[in-house]
Protein backbone atom coordinates (compact mmCIF):
# COMPACT_ATOMS: atom_id res chain seq x y z
CA MET A 1 -124.81 67.33 -62.18
CA PRO A 2 -128.24 65.71 -61.92
CA ALA A 3 -131.27 67.72 -63.02
CA SER A 4 -133.19 69.37 -60.18
CA THR A 5 -136.96 69.02 -59.86
CA THR A 6 -139.19 71.91 -59.79
CA THR A 7 -142.97 72.57 -60.06
CA THR A 8 -143.82 73.29 -63.72
CA THR A 9 -146.71 73.23 -66.09
CA ALA A 10 -146.40 69.53 -66.54
CA PRO A 11 -149.39 67.95 -68.36
CA ALA A 12 -152.32 67.20 -66.08
CA VAL A 13 -153.27 64.18 -68.11
CA LEU A 14 -151.08 61.65 -69.98
CA SER A 15 -152.53 59.19 -72.42
CA ALA A 16 -151.14 55.78 -73.33
CA LYS A 17 -152.14 52.41 -74.81
CA ALA A 18 -150.11 50.38 -72.30
CA LEU A 19 -148.27 50.73 -68.97
CA LEU A 20 -144.93 49.09 -68.16
CA LEU A 21 -144.22 48.82 -64.44
CA ASP A 22 -140.94 48.36 -62.68
CA MET A 23 -141.32 46.54 -59.40
CA ASP A 24 -138.81 47.43 -56.67
CA GLY A 25 -139.20 51.04 -55.51
CA THR A 26 -142.07 51.61 -57.91
CA ILE A 27 -144.91 49.47 -56.76
CA VAL A 28 -143.14 47.43 -54.07
CA ASN A 29 -140.99 48.98 -51.36
CA SER A 30 -138.24 46.49 -50.83
CA ASP A 31 -135.51 48.97 -49.86
CA ALA A 32 -135.02 47.34 -46.45
CA VAL A 33 -134.11 43.94 -47.89
CA VAL A 34 -132.05 45.42 -50.77
CA GLU A 35 -130.01 47.54 -48.38
CA ARG A 36 -129.45 44.79 -45.93
CA CYS A 37 -128.21 42.37 -48.55
CA TRP A 38 -126.03 44.75 -50.55
CA ARG A 39 -124.56 46.44 -47.48
CA ASP A 40 -123.34 43.01 -46.36
CA TRP A 41 -122.08 42.22 -49.83
CA ALA A 42 -120.18 45.53 -50.09
CA VAL A 43 -118.54 45.08 -46.71
CA SER A 44 -117.44 41.57 -47.59
CA HIS A 45 -115.72 42.87 -50.65
CA GLY A 46 -114.04 45.88 -48.97
CA LEU A 47 -116.31 48.43 -50.54
CA ASP A 48 -118.03 51.46 -49.12
CA PRO A 49 -121.69 50.33 -48.57
CA GLU A 50 -123.08 53.84 -49.18
CA GLU A 51 -121.31 54.15 -52.50
CA ALA A 52 -122.45 50.62 -53.45
CA LEU A 53 -126.13 51.53 -52.74
CA LYS A 54 -125.88 54.40 -55.29
CA VAL A 55 -125.61 51.95 -58.15
CA VAL A 56 -127.62 48.97 -56.86
CA HIS A 57 -131.21 50.10 -57.65
CA GLY A 58 -132.71 49.17 -61.05
CA ARG A 59 -129.95 46.83 -62.22
CA GLN A 60 -129.62 43.11 -62.13
CA GLY A 61 -127.20 41.99 -59.51
CA TYR A 62 -124.47 40.85 -61.83
CA ALA A 63 -124.59 44.22 -63.54
CA THR A 64 -124.24 46.06 -60.19
CA MET A 65 -121.25 43.89 -59.38
CA ALA A 66 -119.64 44.65 -62.71
CA VAL A 67 -119.93 48.38 -62.06
CA LEU A 68 -118.50 48.08 -58.50
CA LEU A 69 -115.78 45.50 -59.36
CA PRO A 70 -114.98 46.21 -63.01
CA ASP A 71 -111.90 44.00 -63.15
CA ARG A 72 -113.63 40.89 -61.90
CA PRO A 73 -114.51 38.04 -64.31
CA MET A 74 -118.20 38.09 -65.29
CA GLU A 75 -118.63 34.38 -64.39
CA VAL A 76 -117.80 35.28 -60.76
CA ASN A 77 -120.49 38.05 -60.82
CA LEU A 78 -123.07 35.64 -62.29
CA ALA A 79 -122.29 33.01 -59.56
CA GLU A 80 -122.53 35.59 -56.75
CA ASN A 81 -125.70 37.03 -58.31
CA ALA A 82 -127.36 33.63 -57.99
CA GLU A 83 -126.43 33.60 -54.32
CA MET A 84 -127.72 37.12 -53.85
CA LEU A 85 -131.04 36.26 -55.55
CA ALA A 86 -131.52 33.33 -53.22
CA ARG A 87 -130.83 35.50 -50.16
CA GLU A 88 -133.17 38.30 -51.32
CA THR A 89 -135.96 35.83 -52.15
CA ALA A 90 -135.77 34.35 -48.68
CA ASP A 91 -135.84 37.70 -46.98
CA THR A 92 -139.24 39.55 -47.21
CA ASP A 93 -139.06 41.28 -43.86
CA GLY A 94 -140.13 44.89 -44.46
CA VAL A 95 -141.34 44.36 -47.99
CA VAL A 96 -144.52 46.43 -48.34
CA PRO A 97 -146.46 48.08 -51.15
CA VAL A 98 -145.49 51.62 -52.20
CA ALA A 99 -148.09 54.14 -51.04
CA GLY A 100 -151.07 53.95 -53.39
CA ALA A 101 -149.91 50.72 -55.11
CA PRO A 102 -152.92 48.58 -54.12
CA ALA A 103 -155.43 51.04 -55.54
CA PHE A 104 -153.22 51.64 -58.59
CA MET A 105 -152.94 47.90 -59.38
CA ALA A 106 -156.68 47.52 -58.92
CA ALA A 107 -157.30 50.40 -61.27
CA ILE A 108 -155.14 48.98 -64.10
CA GLY A 109 -156.19 45.33 -63.65
CA ALA A 110 -158.30 45.30 -66.83
CA LEU A 111 -155.94 47.64 -68.80
CA PRO A 112 -153.00 46.60 -70.90
CA HIS A 113 -149.94 46.47 -68.56
CA ALA A 114 -146.84 44.46 -67.87
CA LEU A 115 -144.32 44.04 -65.16
CA VAL A 116 -140.77 44.77 -66.39
CA THR A 117 -138.36 44.04 -63.52
CA SER A 118 -134.71 43.24 -62.95
CA ALA A 119 -135.72 40.52 -60.48
CA ASP A 120 -135.97 36.98 -61.60
CA ALA A 121 -139.36 35.27 -61.65
CA VAL A 122 -139.01 33.69 -58.22
CA LEU A 123 -137.93 36.89 -56.44
CA ALA A 124 -140.66 38.88 -58.29
CA THR A 125 -143.27 36.42 -57.08
CA ALA A 126 -141.96 36.50 -53.51
CA ARG A 127 -141.98 40.31 -53.34
CA MET A 128 -145.37 40.79 -55.03
CA THR A 129 -146.82 38.16 -52.70
CA ALA A 130 -145.25 39.85 -49.60
CA ALA A 131 -146.70 43.18 -50.67
CA ALA A 132 -150.08 41.59 -51.34
CA LEU A 133 -150.10 42.92 -54.93
CA PRO A 134 -151.53 41.03 -57.96
CA MET A 135 -148.96 39.73 -60.36
CA PRO A 136 -149.53 41.05 -63.96
CA GLU A 137 -150.21 38.35 -66.50
CA VAL A 138 -147.54 39.81 -68.80
CA ARG A 139 -144.13 40.10 -67.16
CA VAL A 140 -140.58 40.52 -68.26
CA THR A 141 -138.14 39.27 -65.62
CA ALA A 142 -134.37 38.73 -65.47
CA GLU A 143 -134.60 35.50 -67.32
CA SER A 144 -136.33 37.08 -70.26
CA VAL A 145 -133.56 39.57 -71.30
CA GLY A 146 -129.92 39.42 -72.31
CA ALA A 147 -129.02 42.87 -70.96
CA SER A 148 -129.91 44.56 -67.67
CA LYS A 149 -131.35 48.04 -67.34
CA PRO A 150 -130.27 50.74 -68.41
CA ASP A 151 -130.47 48.74 -71.62
CA PRO A 152 -134.00 49.20 -73.04
CA GLU A 153 -134.46 45.53 -73.95
CA GLY A 154 -136.87 44.73 -71.11
CA PHE A 155 -139.19 47.56 -71.93
CA LEU A 156 -139.14 46.84 -75.60
CA LYS A 157 -139.97 43.23 -74.92
CA GLY A 158 -142.83 44.30 -72.63
CA ALA A 159 -144.32 46.53 -75.38
CA ALA A 160 -143.97 43.77 -77.92
CA ALA A 161 -145.66 41.24 -75.65
CA LEU A 162 -148.59 43.64 -75.27
CA GLY A 163 -148.66 44.40 -79.02
CA VAL A 164 -148.15 48.13 -78.49
CA ASP A 165 -145.81 50.58 -80.10
CA PRO A 166 -143.14 51.76 -77.72
CA ALA A 167 -144.16 55.41 -78.29
CA ASP A 168 -147.62 54.52 -76.94
CA CYS A 169 -146.31 53.03 -73.66
CA ILE A 170 -145.71 54.81 -70.36
CA VAL A 171 -143.07 53.40 -68.00
CA PHE A 172 -143.28 53.68 -64.22
CA GLU A 173 -139.80 53.71 -62.74
CA ASP A 174 -137.86 54.76 -59.62
CA SER A 175 -134.18 54.35 -60.48
CA ALA A 176 -131.66 56.10 -62.64
CA ALA A 177 -131.01 52.90 -64.61
CA GLY A 178 -134.71 52.18 -65.15
CA ILE A 179 -135.52 55.74 -66.19
CA ALA A 180 -132.66 55.69 -68.71
CA ALA A 181 -133.95 52.31 -70.05
CA GLY A 182 -137.44 53.69 -70.51
CA ARG A 183 -136.24 56.77 -72.31
CA ALA A 184 -133.89 54.71 -74.47
CA ALA A 185 -136.84 52.63 -75.50
CA GLY A 186 -138.56 55.78 -76.76
CA MET A 187 -141.12 55.79 -74.00
CA ARG A 188 -142.41 58.41 -71.61
CA VAL A 189 -141.54 57.74 -67.91
CA ILE A 190 -143.38 58.58 -64.77
CA GLY A 191 -140.82 58.67 -62.07
CA VAL A 192 -142.04 57.41 -58.73
CA GLY A 193 -140.44 58.23 -55.36
CA PRO A 194 -137.47 60.21 -54.18
CA ARG A 195 -134.82 58.45 -56.24
CA ALA A 196 -136.54 59.26 -59.50
CA ALA A 197 -136.72 63.03 -59.27
CA ALA A 198 -133.17 63.75 -60.31
CA HIS A 199 -132.92 61.46 -63.30
CA GLY A 200 -135.02 63.02 -66.01
CA PRO A 201 -138.46 61.32 -65.99
CA THR A 202 -141.21 62.89 -68.11
CA VAL A 203 -143.01 63.71 -64.87
CA HIS A 204 -142.39 62.84 -61.23
CA VAL A 205 -144.70 61.86 -58.38
CA PRO A 206 -143.71 61.19 -54.74
CA ASP A 207 -145.81 58.03 -54.78
CA LEU A 208 -148.80 56.39 -56.51
CA THR A 209 -151.31 58.28 -54.42
CA PHE A 210 -150.65 61.33 -56.57
CA LEU A 211 -152.22 60.03 -59.76
CA ASP A 212 -155.41 58.44 -60.99
CA VAL A 213 -155.65 55.91 -63.81
CA ALA A 214 -158.75 55.13 -65.93
CA ALA A 215 -159.74 53.94 -69.33
CA GLY A 216 -160.38 56.77 -71.73
CA PRO A 217 -163.47 57.00 -74.03
CA ASP A 218 -161.27 56.17 -77.08
CA GLY A 219 -159.87 52.98 -75.47
CA SER A 220 -156.70 54.70 -74.33
CA ILE A 221 -155.36 54.71 -70.79
CA ARG A 222 -155.63 58.16 -69.10
CA ILE A 223 -153.35 59.05 -66.27
CA THR A 224 -154.33 62.08 -64.35
CA LEU A 225 -151.77 63.82 -62.13
CA ARG A 226 -153.29 65.35 -59.03
CA ALA A 227 -153.35 69.14 -59.40
CA GLU A 228 -151.61 69.61 -56.10
CA HIS A 229 -148.49 67.78 -57.45
CA GLN A 230 -147.57 68.08 -61.10
CA ASP A 231 -143.83 67.99 -61.17
CA ALA A 232 -141.46 67.57 -64.02
CA PRO A 233 -137.66 67.73 -64.15
CA ALA A 234 -136.20 71.09 -65.01
CA ARG A 235 -134.83 71.17 -68.54
């Protein structure tokens, strides 16, 4: 059973040298597009759309297809994933920033951070643009990795690109696959949004309005969780 979330004595302040940000569900709310596209795909393949949506978030499309249709050749998944990416890129209706994301991105603009997303570069650009959020200079997209989340490769590459030890990074994630990837990379994870709460993040916040980010006096990045909401998963 998934871990429940309860109010605890989670640390009020976390310190890091770099931040690694997932995109969809973490800083960009693209659920409307994702659900439209994947519901249609599931129905066209005789699958239950609700069951399909349980495994979509956080993974590259081909990896989702492999979970849902395990006996299908991977080359078919890769071909359909290319079609899915094109459709998702063209559809930005309802793509908006997650609550608090504009202020959060402004606060970390001069701090070491990277985007680590399962989207490809074109889709990431389309969604960040639609949400009116600045694109990080350092980014790890689908083309950059050989394995999809929950494999930790993307986060490890993000840390390497920033020149920071994985243990000194904090990941921001919303999905089970992404949280598992961050933890497998040896990083602390701030779970963002309702999906994240049940999947073992280091701490959980409903959205990005529940934290403040600033440079510490020692050059570190200090993340302060608002006193009214310091949640961590029950252990």
